[in-house]
Each structure stands twice: as C-alpha cells, then as structure tokens.
Protein backbone atom coordinates (compact mmCIF):
# COMPACT_ATOMS: atom_id res chain seq x y z
CA MET A 1 -43.38 10.85 -0.51
CA ALA A 2 -41.04 13.40 1.09
CA VAL A 3 -40.05 10.89 3.79
CA LEU A 4 -39.14 8.30 1.14
CA PHE A 5 -37.06 10.89 -0.68
CA ILE A 6 -35.14 11.77 2.50
CA ILE A 7 -34.52 8.08 3.25
CA TYR A 8 -33.28 7.64 -0.32
CA ILE A 9 -30.84 10.58 0.04
CA PHE A 10 -29.34 9.18 3.27
CA THR A 11 -29.16 5.55 2.14
CA TYR A 12 -28.11 5.99 -1.50
CA ASP A 13 -24.57 4.87 -2.12
CA PRO A 14 -23.24 5.85 -5.55
CA PRO A 15 -21.64 3.10 -7.65
CA GLY A 16 -17.88 2.86 -8.03
CA VAL A 17 -14.95 3.46 -5.73
CA PHE A 18 -13.83 6.90 -4.65
CA VAL A 19 -10.14 7.71 -5.16
CA GLU A 20 -9.68 8.61 -1.49
CA ASP A 21 -11.16 5.26 -0.42
CA ALA A 22 -8.83 3.41 -2.78
CA ASP A 23 -5.83 5.35 -1.45
CA GLN A 24 -6.76 4.89 2.20
CA ALA A 25 -7.44 1.17 1.74
CA ALA A 26 -4.02 0.68 0.10
CA ALA A 27 -2.35 2.83 2.75
CA VAL A 28 -3.41 0.56 5.62
CA LEU A 29 -1.43 -2.28 4.06
CA ALA A 30 1.57 0.03 3.61
CA TYR A 31 1.32 1.01 7.32
CA ASP A 32 1.36 -2.63 8.31
CA TYR A 33 4.45 -3.36 6.21
CA LEU A 34 6.27 -0.23 7.41
CA SER A 35 6.10 -1.52 10.97
CA ILE A 36 8.77 -4.12 10.04
CA GLU A 37 10.84 -1.90 7.71
CA ARG A 38 13.95 0.14 8.59
CA GLY A 39 16.03 2.79 6.81
CA ASP A 40 15.04 4.93 3.81
CA ILE A 41 11.95 3.93 1.87
CA TYR A 42 10.23 5.54 -1.12
CA ILE A 43 6.46 5.16 -1.26
CA SER A 44 3.85 5.24 -4.00
CA ILE A 45 0.17 4.56 -3.34
CA ASN A 46 -1.92 3.75 -6.41
CA GLY A 47 0.78 5.28 -8.61
CA ARG A 48 0.82 8.60 -6.79
CA ASP A 49 2.63 10.16 -3.86
CA PRO A 50 0.84 9.52 -0.57
CA ASP A 51 -0.70 12.52 1.15
CA ASN A 52 1.17 14.15 4.02
CA GLY A 53 -1.16 12.54 6.54
CA ILE A 54 0.05 9.09 5.52
CA ILE A 55 3.71 10.04 5.81
CA GLY A 56 3.18 11.97 9.06
CA THR A 57 1.49 9.12 10.92
CA ILE A 58 4.57 6.91 10.90
CA GLY A 59 6.26 7.80 14.18
CA ASP A 60 9.16 5.35 14.04
CA HIS A 61 12.55 7.06 14.11
CA ASN A 62 14.26 4.07 12.46
CA ILE A 63 12.53 4.76 9.16
CA SER A 64 12.74 7.68 6.77
CA ILE A 65 9.81 7.93 4.35
CA HIS A 66 10.07 9.71 1.01
CA ASN A 67 7.75 10.18 -1.95
CA LEU A 68 8.61 8.02 -4.94
CA SER A 69 8.35 11.13 -7.15
CA GLU A 70 11.71 12.19 -5.64
CA LEU A 71 13.20 9.48 -7.89
CA PRO A 72 11.80 10.29 -11.37
CA GLU A 73 13.67 7.40 -13.00
CA CYS A 74 11.93 4.98 -10.60
CA ASN A 75 8.49 6.59 -10.59
CA VAL A 76 6.92 4.39 -13.27
CA PRO A 77 3.63 2.45 -13.18
CA ASP A 78 5.35 -0.91 -13.70
CA GLU A 79 8.57 -1.61 -11.79
CA ARG A 80 9.83 -3.65 -14.75
CA ASP A 81 10.15 -0.36 -16.68
CA GLN A 82 12.25 1.47 -14.11
CA ALA A 83 15.92 2.36 -14.56
CA PRO A 84 18.52 -0.21 -13.39
CA SER A 85 19.75 2.28 -10.77
CA CYS A 86 16.43 1.81 -8.93
CA GLU A 87 17.18 -1.80 -7.99
CA ASP A 88 19.22 -0.76 -4.96
CA LYS A 89 16.48 1.60 -3.69
CA ASN A 90 13.87 0.46 -1.19
CA ILE A 91 10.59 1.25 -2.97
CA LEU A 92 7.14 0.34 -1.67
CA ARG A 93 4.27 0.37 -4.16
CA ALA A 94 0.87 -0.12 -2.51
CA ARG A 95 -2.22 -0.47 -4.66
CA PHE A 96 -5.95 -0.96 -4.46
CA GLU A 97 -6.88 -4.17 -6.32
CA HIS A 98 -10.67 -4.40 -6.18
CA MET A 99 -13.71 -4.11 -3.96
CA PRO A 100 -15.59 -7.43 -3.76
CA ALA A 101 -18.25 -5.99 -1.45
CA LYS A 102 -19.33 -2.63 -0.15
CA TYR A 103 -16.77 -1.29 2.35
CA LEU A 104 -14.41 -4.23 1.77
CA ALA A 105 -11.24 -3.91 -0.35
CA ILE A 106 -8.47 -6.20 -1.55
CA VAL A 107 -5.10 -4.39 -1.58
CA GLY A 108 -1.58 -5.37 -2.61
CA MET A 109 1.99 -4.12 -2.33
CA THR A 110 5.48 -4.80 -3.63
CA THR A 111 8.97 -3.82 -2.54
CA ARG A 112 12.37 -4.81 -3.89
CA GLY A 113 12.27 -8.13 -2.05
CA CYS A 114 8.75 -8.55 -0.74
CA GLY A 115 5.19 -8.73 -1.91
CA GLY A 116 2.02 -8.75 0.04
CA GLU A 117 -1.71 -8.58 0.00
CA GLY A 118 -4.43 -7.81 2.44
CA MET A 119 -8.09 -7.26 3.05
CA ALA A 120 -9.24 -3.90 4.39
CA ALA A 121 -12.66 -2.86 5.67
CA LYS A 122 -14.18 0.56 6.09
CA ILE A 123 -15.73 0.80 9.55
CA GLY A 124 -17.11 4.05 10.87
CA GLY A 125 -15.60 6.04 8.01
CA LYS A 126 -12.05 4.72 8.55
CA TRP A 127 -10.17 1.90 6.81
CA TYR A 128 -8.77 -0.97 8.89
CA LEU A 129 -6.62 -3.90 7.83
CA LEU A 130 -8.41 -7.16 8.62
CA LYS A 131 -5.86 -9.60 7.28
CA SER A 132 -2.45 -9.33 5.61
CA ARG A 133 0.25 -11.58 4.28
CA PHE A 134 3.81 -10.69 3.25
CA ASN A 135 6.21 -12.91 1.35
CA CYS A 136 9.84 -11.86 1.28
CA CYS A 137 12.66 -13.27 -0.77
CA THR A 138 16.27 -12.59 0.11
CA LYS A 139 19.43 -13.45 -1.75
CA GLY A 140 22.07 -15.26 0.16
CA ALA A 141 24.45 -18.16 0.14
CA ALA A 142 25.07 -20.69 2.83
CA ILE A 143 28.53 -22.16 3.10
CA SER A 144 28.69 -25.67 4.32
CA ASP A 145 31.79 -27.49 5.48
CA LYS A 146 30.07 -30.80 4.98
CA GLN A 147 31.78 -32.98 2.36
CA SER A 148 29.93 -35.47 0.25
C-alpha cells in the first residue's frame, strides 16, 4: 500500500494550468517574434509585465525591451481600449490561449501590425516553441507610372 501511495505522489499531476507555465509558454512565442523586431518594444505577457529573466535573455543590441506598465495609458487588457497615443508605440502582447493536452499549449500574440500564434511544448521542465506563424500587415502605397 505504501508503494502505491509513493507512486501516486510522484505521478499525480494536479488539474489546471499553473500561472508560471502559462507565462513561460507565451514567452517562447514572444522570443521568436523578437528575433525579427528592432527598436523599442513594450511587452506584456498574459496581461502582466514579464519577469526579468524574460527581458534579460534577449541579447540583441538592436532592440530595447520595456515593460508595458511603463505606459499606463496603453496597459489595458484589450488593445481596442487603449489611448490613441498608443498607436505609434510598438507593443507586443503575448498570451496563453489554451492547453489541448498535457504539456502542450497554444499561444498567441499581437503587435501594432502583426499577429501570430504558435504551439509550445514543455519538455524536461522547459517550454519550447514547436511551430509558429506570424502575419504582418503594413500600410503603404505603390505609385505606378502605368497609364490605362
């Protein structure tokens, strides 16, 4: 009976998702996006400032990462509710969407001109991005000298 109890203790996985797992899963998608970003960027992960470990691991000197809480008028759960002055700021909001299976998470992110999603897996206690997709939309006009 004692052996069964010990096996139960080591194999029991409580239901639900831990906050740190949700944050780390969303952060791996943010890392992936930040590899193509330049300049100043304000980050929010699951509606909160990322921990210092997340900000400190980005070693690129072409990017300057800030917490979104530095811009109180922009630090809102839904970007549609932010002040108009936030539209010219580069804000990345990464979020945990859901966990379809144990140790597998669907994550998403938005910026001022891009959106993305990914699938992350927890392997050996660490989250890894398995697959990601980013869609970016830019404003621009093309001038043509072609006459109809």
